[in-house]
């Protein structure tokens, strides 16, 4: 720092500092300057040390810049901010209060009071933010002008959240340019669409019908309560509902009925005809209009209606319902449905979830039930005709005597059928007997050496044929041979299997069935005990007589 003791007057000091005399006087009065002396005389001029001025200049650079430039270098005052942004000074002060600028400072001790200043780098940063905002967003008023709509409409869209990309910055709403461009395109597209009222005029149909058939095509307008159709969707709608449009212009096609005409023909409500159509009582039913619209309706071919009438007349004349059939046959509901499921009642018809039985089938069943009254079971047949059970079973298995199976697998046969079959069998036997007198009886088929039949094997091992068959099925008897004679298959068992059978069963404890156990007890325990009891009683009786 330059050192000197030179004293300067107010005028000289103001020129040295680059200030006005009044400003320098204000600073002196505010005691901002030191090194001041008063001169002699009445006026007592003020002298200031040059060293004090140099110290003041070095220590108060920001304050001197304000007086020289209006603000320190690298800072802007409110007036300068207002000039830079072309706004009022009051608005610039509001922006500072809102905190839009960083690092705001205040200079005190000025003649005009405190001075608010903003660093230039903070101003530049704010300008960059505003630039980015204006590149991607518009204020509501600017957006309104861009879209060419009223302010109330754009505010309504904001309330209804039809505009999503909105930001609020220091109390001002900004709308994304991307969304505004999309809205602009949508509004342009709407201007090319067909209003619903115009479509009504073009189609020459009632408004209610056009409103109904266009429900899946039209869209609500963004601007007002108007529905619009694109030209392509309008053409699609015309193609889809061509029959409906033609009907309203030309009437019902030839050889068809509508539901109203059928309701009058069958003397039922129109809703009943609609129910019949849902039940598929008529063939070839056509629906005029789309399935999803209420304006659509049905048309029914005349041929289908005549076919239905003939079917109903035939049903009434030749069939009875399931309940009436049960009464005539005197059977339960479960029996009736079992017969139907087992196809025991031919010609039955399921119509509208109800079974209908042919009257002729009912007569046949009644006749069969009468015939079954003359039926007997196999035991009764054996007793009545004095024949074996095997003979009756053979006739049944050969199909010579028809049978019916009842509950418990009981077979019933008709007396007359059995009598006829026995008579026929008797005649065949007599005929065969006369032939055998001329032709000697053929020898039974010879079994190859080293093998036994199942019957001979069972006799050798003292077991039943069924037991041997079960052992064969379980694979306990091996090396079997199948032998065919006169078209009949025989299973042959090798002779060495007899010895193997005895070896195997010698090590197994004897097991009896209940019948065999009873026979064993009878022979080995009960009968000997009764014999001994008789002997004892007879001896006692003889002793008593002897004593007498």
Protein backbone atom coordinates (compact mmCIF):
# COMPACT_ATOMS: atom_id res chain seq x y z
CA UNK A 1 0.00 0.00 0.00
CA UNK A 2 1.28 3.51 -0.88
CA UNK A 3 2.24 5.49 2.24
CA UNK A 4 1.83 9.34 2.36
CA UNK A 5 0.72 11.99 4.82
CA UNK A 6 -0.74 14.29 2.18
CA UNK A 7 -4.09 15.85 3.20
CA UNK A 8 -6.80 16.38 0.58
CA UNK A 9 -9.87 18.57 0.57
CA UNK A 10 -13.40 17.24 -0.10
CA UNK A 11 -13.17 18.21 -3.76
CA UNK A 12 -9.73 16.61 -4.15
CA UNK A 13 -10.74 13.49 -2.21
CA UNK A 14 -13.96 13.04 -4.29
CA UNK A 15 -11.94 13.24 -7.49
CA UNK A 16 -9.40 10.77 -6.07
CA UNK A 17 -12.12 8.24 -5.25
CA UNK A 18 -14.25 9.02 -8.31
CA UNK A 19 -17.24 10.03 -6.17
CA UNK A 20 -19.34 13.15 -5.95
CA UNK A 21 -18.69 15.60 -3.12
CA UNK A 22 -22.15 14.89 -1.64
CA UNK A 23 -21.49 11.12 -1.63
CA UNK A 24 -18.11 11.63 0.03
CA UNK A 25 -19.73 13.91 2.62
CA UNK A 26 -22.39 11.20 3.30
CA UNK A 27 -19.64 8.62 3.82
CA UNK A 28 -17.82 10.92 6.21
CA UNK A 29 -21.02 11.56 8.18
CA UNK A 30 -21.58 7.80 8.30
CA UNK A 31 -18.06 7.53 9.72
CA UNK A 32 -17.02 5.22 6.88
CA UNK A 33 -13.78 7.25 6.46
CA UNK A 34 -11.01 7.87 9.00
CA UNK A 35 -8.03 10.29 9.05
CA UNK A 36 -10.24 13.39 8.91
CA UNK A 37 -9.13 16.77 10.29
CA UNK A 38 -10.87 20.10 10.56
CA UNK A 39 -9.22 23.20 9.15
CA UNK A 40 -8.98 26.59 10.99
CA UNK A 41 -11.52 29.34 10.59
CA UNK A 42 -15.22 29.70 10.77
CA UNK A 43 -15.91 27.41 7.86
CA UNK A 44 -13.54 24.77 9.19
CA UNK A 45 -12.85 22.98 5.96
CA UNK A 46 -12.48 19.20 6.10
CA UNK A 47 -9.21 17.60 5.18
CA UNK A 48 -8.79 13.91 4.58
CA UNK A 49 -5.58 11.95 4.72
CA UNK A 50 -4.65 10.43 1.40
CA UNK A 51 -3.58 7.29 3.23
CA UNK A 52 -7.12 6.97 4.66
CA UNK A 53 -8.56 7.38 1.16
CA UNK A 54 -6.28 4.66 -0.17
CA UNK A 55 -7.27 2.32 2.65
CA UNK A 56 -10.99 3.06 2.05
CA UNK A 57 -10.61 2.43 -1.68
CA UNK A 58 -8.91 -0.90 -1.12
CA UNK A 59 -11.35 -2.10 1.55
CA UNK A 60 -14.60 -0.99 -0.12
CA UNK A 61 -14.19 -2.08 -3.72
CA UNK A 62 -17.83 -3.46 -3.97
CA UNK A 63 -19.23 -0.17 -2.63
CA UNK A 64 -17.14 1.94 -5.01
CA UNK A 65 -18.16 -0.30 -7.95
CA UNK A 66 -21.81 0.37 -7.09
CA UNK A 67 -21.17 4.12 -7.19
CA UNK A 68 -19.13 3.83 -10.37
CA UNK A 69 -21.14 1.17 -12.28
CA UNK A 70 -24.54 0.92 -10.53
CA UNK A 71 -23.52 -2.51 -9.10
CA UNK A 72 -20.27 -4.27 -8.32
CA UNK A 73 -18.51 -5.97 -11.17
CA UNK A 74 -19.95 -9.47 -11.75
CA UNK A 75 -23.27 -8.51 -10.06
CA UNK A 76 -26.62 -7.12 -11.22
CA UNK A 77 -28.93 -4.81 -9.32
CA UNK A 78 -32.73 -4.99 -9.47
CA UNK A 79 -32.82 -2.30 -12.14
CA UNK A 80 -30.28 -4.16 -14.22
CA UNK A 81 -32.24 -7.48 -13.82
CA UNK A 82 -35.47 -5.76 -14.87
CA UNK A 83 -33.73 -4.30 -17.93
CA UNK A 84 -32.14 -7.69 -18.79
CA UNK A 85 -35.43 -9.64 -18.64
CA UNK A 86 -37.65 -6.78 -19.86
CA UNK A 87 -39.79 -6.83 -16.73
CA UNK A 88 -40.74 -4.37 -14.03
CA UNK A 89 -38.41 -3.75 -11.09
CA UNK A 90 -41.15 -4.95 -8.71
CA UNK A 91 -41.35 -8.27 -10.58
CA UNK A 92 -37.56 -8.62 -10.41
CA UNK A 93 -37.82 -8.12 -6.63
CA UNK A 94 -40.55 -10.79 -6.50
CA UNK A 95 -38.33 -13.24 -8.39
CA UNK A 96 -35.59 -12.68 -5.80
CA UNK A 97 -38.09 -13.31 -2.98
CA UNK A 98 -39.19 -16.53 -4.75
CA UNK A 99 -35.59 -17.72 -4.67
CA UNK A 100 -35.13 -17.95 -8.43
CA UNK A 101 -31.54 -16.72 -8.12
CA UNK A 102 -28.75 -18.17 -5.99
CA UNK A 103 -26.19 -16.37 -3.80
CA UNK A 104 -28.15 -13.07 -3.55
CA UNK A 105 -26.29 -10.43 -1.50
CA UNK A 106 -27.12 -7.06 0.14
CA UNK A 107 -24.95 -3.91 0.33
CA UNK A 108 -25.69 -1.66 3.32
CA UNK A 109 -24.69 1.89 4.21
CA UNK A 110 -25.61 3.50 0.88
CA UNK A 111 -27.26 6.91 0.58
CA UNK A 112 -30.27 5.25 -1.00
CA UNK A 113 -30.44 2.52 1.61
CA UNK A 114 -29.60 -1.18 1.23
CA UNK A 115 -28.78 -2.54 -2.23
CA UNK A 116 -29.74 -6.11 -3.34
CA UNK A 117 -27.42 -7.57 -5.91
CA UNK A 118 -27.35 -10.94 -7.72
CA UNK A 119 -24.20 -12.65 -9.04
CA UNK A 120 -24.00 -12.79 -12.82
CA UNK A 121 -23.39 -16.58 -12.82
CA UNK A 122 -26.70 -17.06 -10.96
CA UNK A 123 -28.49 -14.95 -13.58
CA UNK A 124 -26.94 -17.01 -16.38
CA UNK A 125 -27.92 -20.27 -14.66
CA UNK A 126 -31.50 -19.06 -14.34
CA UNK A 127 -31.56 -18.05 -18.01
CA UNK A 128 -30.40 -21.55 -18.99
CA UNK A 129 -33.20 -23.13 -16.97
CA UNK A 130 -35.76 -20.82 -18.58
CA UNK A 131 -34.36 -21.63 -22.02
CA UNK A 132 -34.65 -25.38 -21.41
CA UNK A 133 -38.17 -24.89 -20.10
CA UNK A 134 -39.25 -22.89 -23.14
CA UNK A 135 -37.69 -25.46 -25.47
CA UNK A 136 -39.83 -28.28 -24.00
CA UNK A 137 -42.83 -26.55 -22.38
CA UNK A 138 -45.27 -23.71 -22.99
CA UNK A 139 -47.27 -21.64 -20.58
CA UNK A 140 -51.04 -22.14 -20.55
CA UNK A 141 -51.71 -18.95 -22.58
CA UNK A 142 -49.14 -19.92 -25.20
CA UNK A 143 -50.56 -23.50 -25.34
CA UNK A 144 -54.07 -22.10 -25.85
CA UNK A 145 -52.92 -20.04 -28.83
CA UNK A 146 -51.02 -22.98 -30.30
CA UNK A 147 -54.07 -25.30 -30.16
CA UNK A 148 -56.55 -22.64 -31.25
CA UNK A 149 -58.98 -23.33 -28.41
CA UNK A 150 -60.49 -21.23 -25.64
CA UNK A 151 -58.75 -20.73 -22.33
CA UNK A 152 -61.70 -22.23 -20.45
CA UNK A 153 -61.39 -25.46 -22.48
CA UNK A 154 -57.68 -25.90 -21.80
CA UNK A 155 -58.27 -25.18 -18.10
CA UNK A 156 -61.06 -27.81 -18.10
CA UNK A 157 -58.67 -30.33 -19.66
CA UNK A 158 -56.18 -29.56 -16.90
CA UNK A 159 -58.86 -30.07 -14.21
CA UNK A 160 -59.99 -33.33 -15.80
CA UNK A 161 -56.34 -34.42 -16.12
CA UNK A 162 -56.70 -34.97 -19.84
CA UNK A 163 -53.32 -33.23 -20.07
CA UNK A 164 -50.83 -35.28 -18.10
CA UNK A 165 -47.41 -33.74 -18.69
CA UNK A 166 -47.77 -30.51 -16.68
CA UNK A 167 -45.26 -28.90 -14.34
CA UNK A 168 -45.70 -25.91 -12.03
CA UNK A 169 -42.67 -23.62 -11.72
CA UNK A 170 -42.86 -20.72 -9.26
CA UNK A 171 -46.68 -20.65 -9.50
CA UNK A 172 -46.81 -20.83 -13.30
CA UNK A 173 -48.09 -23.99 -15.09
CA UNK A 174 -46.20 -25.26 -18.09
CA UNK A 175 -47.47 -27.92 -20.54
CA UNK A 176 -45.15 -30.32 -22.36
CA UNK A 177 -44.66 -29.53 -26.06
CA UNK A 178 -44.83 -33.28 -26.85
CA UNK A 179 -48.32 -33.51 -25.40
CA UNK A 180 -49.37 -30.27 -27.06
CA UNK A 181 -48.22 -31.63 -30.43
CA UNK A 182 -50.23 -34.81 -29.79
CA UNK A 183 -53.29 -32.76 -28.86
CA UNK A 184 -52.86 -30.66 -31.97
CA UNK A 185 -52.77 -33.81 -34.14
CA UNK A 186 -55.85 -35.19 -32.38
CA UNK A 187 -57.76 -31.97 -32.95
CA UNK A 188 -56.76 -32.03 -36.61
CA UNK A 189 -57.96 -35.64 -36.87
CA UNK A 190 -61.28 -34.76 -35.22
CA UNK A 191 -61.87 -32.02 -37.77
CA UNK A 192 -61.74 -34.69 -40.49
CA UNK A 193 -64.18 -37.07 -38.69
CA UNK A 194 -67.95 -37.37 -39.18
CA UNK A 195 -70.22 -36.14 -36.37
CA UNK A 196 -73.01 -38.53 -35.32
CA UNK A 197 -75.77 -36.19 -36.51
CA UNK A 198 -74.16 -35.97 -39.92
CA UNK A 199 -73.99 -39.80 -40.06
CA UNK A 200 -77.74 -39.92 -39.32
CA UNK A 201 -78.40 -37.68 -42.32
CA UNK A 202 -76.08 -39.69 -44.56
CA UNK A 203 -77.66 -43.07 -43.66
CA UNK A 204 -81.25 -41.75 -43.59
CA UNK A 205 -81.98 -43.82 -40.47
CA UNK A 206 -83.48 -42.87 -37.09
CA UNK A 207 -81.03 -41.34 -34.65
CA UNK A 208 -81.58 -44.15 -32.07
CA UNK A 209 -80.58 -46.87 -34.55
CA UNK A 210 -77.50 -45.02 -35.79
CA UNK A 211 -76.50 -44.32 -32.19
CA UNK A 212 -76.87 -48.02 -31.37
CA UNK A 213 -75.01 -49.51 -34.34
CA UNK A 214 -72.18 -46.97 -34.04
CA UNK A 215 -71.56 -47.61 -30.34
CA UNK A 216 -68.34 -49.60 -30.89
CA UNK A 217 -67.01 -47.19 -33.55
CA UNK A 218 -67.75 -43.68 -32.34
CA UNK A 219 -65.60 -41.72 -29.92
CA UNK A 220 -66.45 -38.63 -27.85
CA UNK A 221 -65.03 -35.38 -29.13
CA UNK A 222 -62.31 -33.70 -27.07
CA UNK A 223 -63.88 -30.29 -27.55
CA UNK A 224 -67.54 -30.82 -26.66
CA UNK A 225 -70.37 -33.30 -26.07
CA UNK A 226 -70.29 -34.59 -29.62
CA UNK A 227 -69.60 -38.14 -30.87
CA UNK A 228 -67.47 -38.62 -33.95
CA UNK A 229 -66.85 -41.40 -36.47
CA UNK A 230 -63.73 -41.75 -38.58
CA UNK A 231 -64.42 -42.18 -42.29
CA UNK A 232 -62.92 -45.69 -42.29
CA UNK A 233 -65.01 -46.74 -39.27
CA UNK A 234 -68.11 -45.26 -40.88
CA UNK A 235 -67.55 -47.49 -43.93
CA UNK A 236 -66.95 -50.54 -41.71
CA UNK A 237 -70.18 -49.83 -39.85
CA UNK A 238 -72.10 -49.63 -43.13
CA UNK A 239 -70.72 -52.99 -44.25
CA UNK A 240 -71.37 -54.71 -40.89
CA UNK A 241 -74.95 -53.46 -40.67
CA UNK A 242 -75.76 -53.58 -44.38
CA UNK A 243 -78.72 -55.96 -43.78
CA UNK A 244 -80.12 -53.72 -41.07
CA UNK A 245 -79.79 -50.60 -43.22
CA UNK A 246 -81.39 -52.40 -46.19
CA UNK A 247 -84.22 -53.69 -43.98
CA UNK A 248 -85.06 -50.21 -42.70
CA UNK A 249 -85.09 -48.93 -46.25
CA UNK A 250 -86.71 -51.90 -48.08
CA UNK A 251 -88.51 -54.03 -45.45
CA UNK A 252 -88.35 -57.78 -44.57
CA UNK A 253 -86.90 -60.09 -47.27
CA UNK A 254 -89.29 -62.37 -49.16
CA UNK A 255 -90.01 -65.86 -47.66
CA UNK A 256 -89.08 -64.74 -44.15
CA UNK A 257 -90.98 -63.97 -40.94
CA UNK A 258 -89.96 -61.58 -38.18
CA UNK A 259 -90.70 -62.21 -34.51
CA UNK A 260 -93.80 -60.00 -34.56
CA UNK A 261 -95.35 -61.98 -37.43
CA UNK A 262 -94.61 -65.29 -35.66
CA UNK A 263 -96.11 -63.99 -32.42
CA UNK A 264 -99.36 -63.29 -34.30
CA UNK A 265 -99.19 -66.68 -36.08
CA UNK A 266 -98.73 -68.73 -32.88
CA UNK A 267 -100.77 -66.33 -30.69
CA UNK A 268 -98.02 -65.87 -28.11
CA UNK A 269 -96.10 -62.76 -26.89
CA UNK A 270 -93.21 -61.57 -29.01
CA UNK A 271 -90.81 -62.26 -26.12
CA UNK A 272 -91.91 -65.92 -26.23
CA UNK A 273 -90.86 -66.14 -29.88
CA UNK A 274 -87.46 -64.74 -28.91
CA UNK A 275 -87.21 -67.49 -26.28
CA UNK A 276 -88.12 -70.13 -28.88
CA UNK A 277 -85.31 -68.81 -31.09
CA UNK A 278 -82.84 -69.11 -28.19
CA UNK A 279 -84.05 -72.71 -27.74
CA UNK A 280 -83.20 -73.30 -31.44
CA UNK A 281 -86.72 -74.40 -32.39
CA UNK A 282 -86.26 -72.92 -35.87
CA UNK A 283 -83.49 -73.61 -38.36
CA UNK A 284 -81.76 -70.98 -40.47
CA UNK A 285 -82.58 -68.04 -38.18
CA UNK A 286 -80.70 -64.90 -39.20
CA UNK A 287 -79.88 -61.94 -37.01
CA UNK A 288 -80.04 -58.62 -38.79
CA UNK A 289 -77.45 -56.27 -37.30
CA UNK A 290 -74.48 -56.94 -35.05
CA UNK A 291 -74.87 -59.25 -32.05
CA UNK A 292 -73.80 -56.51 -29.63
CA UNK A 293 -76.49 -53.99 -30.61
CA UNK A 294 -80.05 -53.67 -29.35
CA UNK A 295 -81.33 -52.56 -32.75
CA UNK A 296 -80.67 -56.01 -34.21
CA UNK A 297 -83.58 -58.41 -34.78
CA UNK A 298 -84.28 -61.91 -36.09
CA UNK A 299 -85.80 -63.13 -39.34
CA UNK A 300 -86.93 -66.75 -39.68
CA UNK A 301 -87.29 -68.67 -42.99
CA UNK A 302 -90.87 -69.71 -43.83
CA UNK A 303 -89.70 -73.27 -44.57
CA UNK A 304 -88.29 -73.55 -41.04
CA UNK A 305 -91.56 -72.36 -39.53
CA UNK A 306 -93.58 -74.93 -41.56
CA UNK A 307 -91.11 -77.67 -40.55
CA UNK A 308 -91.53 -76.72 -36.89
CA UNK A 309 -95.33 -76.82 -37.16
CA UNK A 310 -95.20 -80.31 -38.76
CA UNK A 311 -92.83 -81.51 -36.04
CA UNK A 312 -95.10 -80.24 -33.25
CA UNK A 313 -98.18 -81.81 -34.91
CA UNK A 314 -96.36 -85.17 -35.23
CA UNK A 315 -95.22 -84.93 -31.60
CA UNK A 316 -98.76 -84.30 -30.38
CA UNK A 317 -100.24 -87.15 -32.47
CA UNK A 318 -97.65 -89.93 -32.10
CA UNK A 319 -95.80 -89.22 -28.86
CA UNK A 320 -96.55 -88.78 -25.18
CA UNK A 321 -94.34 -87.17 -22.60
CA UNK A 322 -92.35 -89.08 -20.02
CA UNK A 323 -94.83 -88.53 -17.16
CA UNK A 324 -97.77 -89.92 -19.15
CA UNK A 325 -95.68 -92.92 -20.26
CA UNK A 326 -94.78 -93.71 -16.63
CA UNK A 327 -98.47 -93.74 -15.71
CA UNK A 328 -99.37 -96.06 -18.60
CA UNK A 329 -96.54 -98.47 -17.85
CA UNK A 330 -96.95 -98.15 -14.07
CA UNK A 331 -93.23 -97.72 -13.49
CA UNK A 332 -91.11 -95.28 -11.50
CA UNK A 333 -89.22 -92.30 -12.85
CA UNK A 334 -85.83 -93.97 -12.26
CA UNK A 335 -86.93 -97.09 -14.16
CA UNK A 336 -88.16 -95.00 -17.07
CA UNK A 337 -84.89 -93.09 -17.34
CA UNK A 338 -82.87 -96.31 -17.01
CA UNK A 339 -84.84 -97.84 -19.90
CA UNK A 340 -84.26 -94.73 -22.01
CA UNK A 341 -80.50 -94.64 -21.27
CA UNK A 342 -80.23 -98.37 -22.08
CA UNK A 343 -82.13 -97.87 -25.37
CA UNK A 344 -84.87 -100.23 -24.24
CA UNK A 345 -87.47 -97.78 -25.56
CA UNK A 346 -86.73 -97.19 -29.27
CA UNK A 347 -87.77 -93.97 -30.98
CA UNK A 348 -87.60 -91.77 -27.87
CA UNK A 349 -86.98 -88.05 -28.52
CA UNK A 350 -85.29 -85.54 -26.23
CA UNK A 351 -86.77 -82.14 -27.06
CA UNK A 352 -86.39 -79.00 -24.98
CA UNK A 353 -84.86 -81.03 -22.12
CA UNK A 354 -87.88 -83.38 -21.99
CA UNK A 355 -88.23 -86.95 -23.19
CA UNK A 356 -91.10 -87.93 -25.48
CA UNK A 357 -91.99 -91.62 -26.04
CA UNK A 358 -93.58 -93.06 -29.18
CA UNK A 359 -97.07 -94.38 -28.58
CA UNK A 360 -96.22 -97.47 -30.67
CA UNK A 361 -93.24 -98.17 -28.37
CA UNK A 362 -95.54 -97.95 -25.36
CA UNK A 363 -97.86 -100.56 -26.95
CA UNK A 364 -94.88 -102.85 -27.67
CA UNK A 365 -93.64 -102.54 -24.08
CA UNK A 366 -97.12 -103.26 -22.69
CA UNK A 367 -97.33 -106.39 -24.88
CA UNK A 368 -93.87 -107.46 -23.71
CA UNK A 369 -94.84 -106.91 -20.07
CA UNK A 370 -97.94 -109.06 -20.63
CA UNK A 371 -95.73 -111.67 -22.19
CA UNK A 372 -93.42 -111.56 -19.20
CA UNK A 373 -96.32 -112.50 -16.97
CA UNK A 374 -95.97 -115.96 -18.57
CA UNK A 375 -92.26 -115.96 -17.63
CA UNK A 376 -90.54 -118.24 -15.14
CA UNK A 377 -87.05 -118.40 -13.75
CA UNK A 378 -84.61 -121.27 -14.37
CA UNK A 379 -85.47 -123.11 -11.12
CA UNK A 380 -89.19 -122.96 -11.90
CA UNK A 381 -88.50 -124.18 -15.45
CA UNK A 382 -86.52 -127.18 -14.12
CA UNK A 383 -89.30 -128.11 -11.72
CA UNK A 384 -92.14 -127.55 -14.16
CA UNK A 385 -90.60 -129.27 -17.22
CA UNK A 386 -88.68 -131.92 -15.26
CA UNK A 387 -85.34 -131.08 -16.88
CA UNK A 388 -81.88 -130.30 -15.48
CA UNK A 389 -80.57 -126.81 -14.85
CA UNK A 390 -77.71 -127.53 -17.26
CA UNK A 391 -80.18 -128.24 -20.07
CA UNK A 392 -81.98 -124.91 -19.54
CA UNK A 393 -78.70 -122.98 -19.33
CA UNK A 394 -77.47 -124.62 -22.55
CA UNK A 395 -80.65 -123.62 -24.41
CA UNK A 396 -80.28 -120.04 -23.14
CA UNK A 397 -76.56 -119.78 -23.99
CA UNK A 398 -77.20 -121.18 -27.49
CA UNK A 399 -79.80 -118.48 -28.06
CA UNK A 400 -82.60 -121.03 -28.49
CA UNK A 401 -84.60 -119.58 -25.60
CA UNK A 402 -84.78 -115.76 -25.25
CA UNK A 403 -84.39 -114.41 -21.73
CA UNK A 404 -84.51 -111.18 -19.76
CA UNK A 405 -82.23 -110.41 -16.81
CA UNK A 406 -83.86 -108.98 -13.71
CA UNK A 407 -82.33 -107.60 -10.53
CA UNK A 408 -79.89 -109.95 -8.84
CA UNK A 409 -78.89 -111.43 -12.25
CA UNK A 410 -82.08 -113.55 -12.30
CA UNK A 411 -82.91 -114.79 -15.79
CA UNK A 412 -86.55 -115.10 -16.84
CA UNK A 413 -87.73 -117.21 -19.79
CA UNK A 414 -91.12 -117.66 -21.38
CA UNK A 415 -92.91 -120.96 -20.89
CA UNK A 416 -93.98 -121.09 -24.53
CA UNK A 417 -90.43 -120.37 -25.77
CA UNK A 418 -88.98 -123.11 -23.58
CA UNK A 419 -91.65 -125.60 -24.63
CA UNK A 420 -90.96 -124.88 -28.31
CA UNK A 421 -87.20 -125.22 -27.84
CA UNK A 422 -87.52 -128.54 -25.98
CA UNK A 423 -89.81 -129.90 -28.63
CA UNK A 424 -87.36 -128.85 -31.36
CA UNK A 425 -84.47 -130.40 -29.42
CA UNK A 426 -86.38 -133.64 -29.02
CA UNK A 427 -87.00 -133.82 -32.75
CA UNK A 428 -83.33 -133.19 -33.51
CA UNK A 429 -82.29 -135.88 -31.02
CA UNK A 430 -84.58 -138.43 -32.65
CA UNK A 431 -83.19 -137.48 -36.05
CA UNK A 432 -79.62 -137.86 -34.86
CA UNK A 433 -80.43 -141.24 -33.26
CA UNK A 434 -81.70 -142.54 -36.57
CA UNK A 435 -78.45 -141.42 -38.19
CA UNK A 436 -76.25 -143.07 -35.61
CA UNK A 437 -77.78 -146.45 -36.43
CA UNK A 438 -76.39 -146.08 -39.93
CA UNK A 439 -73.11 -144.37 -39.02
CA UNK A 440 -71.11 -145.66 -36.04
CA UNK A 441 -70.37 -143.10 -33.34
CA UNK A 442 -67.01 -141.38 -33.66
CA UNK A 443 -64.39 -142.08 -31.05
CA UNK A 444 -63.57 -139.25 -28.66
CA UNK A 445 -60.36 -137.36 -29.49
CA UNK A 446 -57.23 -139.11 -28.27
CA UNK A 447 -54.94 -137.22 -25.88
CA UNK A 448 -51.25 -137.30 -26.85
CA UNK A 449 -49.00 -139.53 -24.79
CA UNK A 450 -47.39 -137.97 -21.74
CA UNK A 451 -50.25 -135.47 -21.22
CA UNK A 452 -53.46 -135.32 -19.20
CA UNK A 453 -56.65 -133.32 -19.59
CA UNK A 454 -57.68 -130.92 -16.83
CA UNK A 455 -60.45 -133.35 -15.81
CA UNK A 456 -58.10 -136.38 -15.57
CA UNK A 457 -55.46 -134.29 -13.76
CA UNK A 458 -57.99 -133.10 -11.15
CA UNK A 459 -59.09 -136.69 -10.50
CA UNK A 460 -55.51 -137.86 -10.02
CA UNK A 461 -54.63 -135.11 -7.53
CA UNK A 462 -58.04 -135.23 -5.81
CA UNK A 463 -58.90 -131.60 -6.53
CA UNK A 464 -61.72 -129.86 -8.39
CA UNK A 465 -61.37 -128.79 -12.01
CA UNK A 466 -61.93 -125.14 -10.98
CA UNK A 467 -58.99 -125.36 -8.56
CA UNK A 468 -56.73 -126.71 -11.32
CA UNK A 469 -57.88 -123.95 -13.69
CA UNK A 470 -57.04 -121.32 -11.06
CA UNK A 471 -53.56 -122.84 -10.58
CA UNK A 472 -53.05 -122.67 -14.35
CA UNK A 473 -54.16 -119.03 -14.42
CA UNK A 474 -51.73 -118.17 -11.61
CA UNK A 475 -48.88 -119.93 -13.48
CA UNK A 476 -48.35 -122.58 -10.79
CA UNK A 477 -48.69 -125.41 -13.36
CA UNK A 478 -46.27 -124.96 -16.24
CA UNK A 479 -45.29 -126.57 -19.56
CA UNK A 480 -48.90 -126.65 -20.73
CA UNK A 481 -49.86 -127.64 -24.28
CA UNK A 482 -52.84 -126.44 -26.32
CA UNK A 483 -54.41 -129.27 -28.41
CA UNK A 484 -57.11 -128.67 -31.07
CA UNK A 485 -59.55 -131.37 -32.18
CA UNK A 486 -62.54 -130.75 -34.47
CA UNK A 487 -62.24 -127.02 -33.91
CA UNK A 488 -62.22 -127.34 -30.11
CA UNK A 489 -59.23 -126.22 -28.01
CA UNK A 490 -58.03 -128.40 -25.11
CA UNK A 491 -55.42 -127.49 -22.47
CA UNK A 492 -53.19 -130.48 -21.71
CA UNK A 493 -50.99 -130.88 -18.63
CA UNK A 494 -47.78 -132.97 -18.70
CA UNK A 495 -47.85 -136.11 -16.54
CA UNK A 496 -44.77 -135.07 -14.56
CA UNK A 497 -46.81 -132.11 -13.25
CA UNK A 498 -48.75 -134.61 -11.08
CA UNK A 499 -45.63 -135.54 -9.15
CA UNK A 500 -44.61 -131.88 -8.82
CA UNK A 501 -48.09 -131.04 -7.55
CA UNK A 502 -47.87 -133.69 -4.78
CA UNK A 503 -44.35 -132.60 -3.79
CA UNK A 504 -45.46 -129.01 -3.51
CA UNK A 505 -48.62 -129.78 -1.55
CA UNK A 506 -46.93 -132.24 0.87
CA UNK A 507 -45.16 -129.29 2.50
CA UNK A 508 -48.34 -127.22 2.76
CA UNK A 509 -50.68 -127.67 5.68
CA UNK A 510 -54.07 -129.04 4.68
CA UNK A 511 -56.69 -126.28 4.39
CA UNK A 512 -60.42 -126.98 4.22
CA UNK A 513 -63.35 -125.01 2.91
CA UNK A 514 -66.33 -124.61 5.25
CA UNK A 515 -68.15 -127.48 3.53
CA UNK A 516 -65.07 -129.74 3.69
CA UNK A 517 -64.48 -128.79 7.33
CA UNK A 518 -68.08 -129.68 8.20
CA UNK A 519 -67.74 -133.06 6.47
CA UNK A 520 -64.41 -133.72 8.24
CA UNK A 521 -65.93 -132.89 11.66
CA UNK A 522 -68.96 -135.01 10.91
CA UNK A 523 -66.95 -138.10 9.92
CA UNK A 524 -64.08 -137.88 12.41
CA UNK A 525 -65.59 -136.28 15.50
CA UNK A 526 -69.37 -136.00 15.60
CA UNK A 527 -70.31 -139.46 14.23
CA UNK A 528 -67.77 -141.34 16.42
CA UNK A 529 -68.91 -139.35 19.44
CA UNK A 530 -72.58 -140.15 18.70
CA UNK A 531 -71.72 -143.85 18.26
CA UNK A 532 -69.93 -143.94 21.59
CA UNK A 533 -72.84 -142.09 23.18
CA UNK A 534 -75.31 -144.63 21.82
CA UNK A 535 -73.19 -147.51 23.12
CA UNK A 536 -73.00 -145.92 26.52
CA UNK A 537 -76.75 -145.36 26.69
CA UNK A 538 -77.49 -148.92 25.54
CA UNK A 539 -75.14 -150.34 28.13
CA UNK A 540 -76.75 -148.27 30.88
CA UNK A 541 -80.18 -149.35 29.72
CA UNK A 542 -79.21 -153.04 29.66
CA UNK A 543 -77.72 -152.78 33.18
CA UNK A 544 -80.90 -151.18 34.52
CA UNK A 545 -83.08 -153.91 33.03
CA UNK A 546 -80.75 -156.52 34.48
CA UNK A 547 -81.07 -155.01 37.93
CA UNK A 548 -84.81 -155.02 37.66
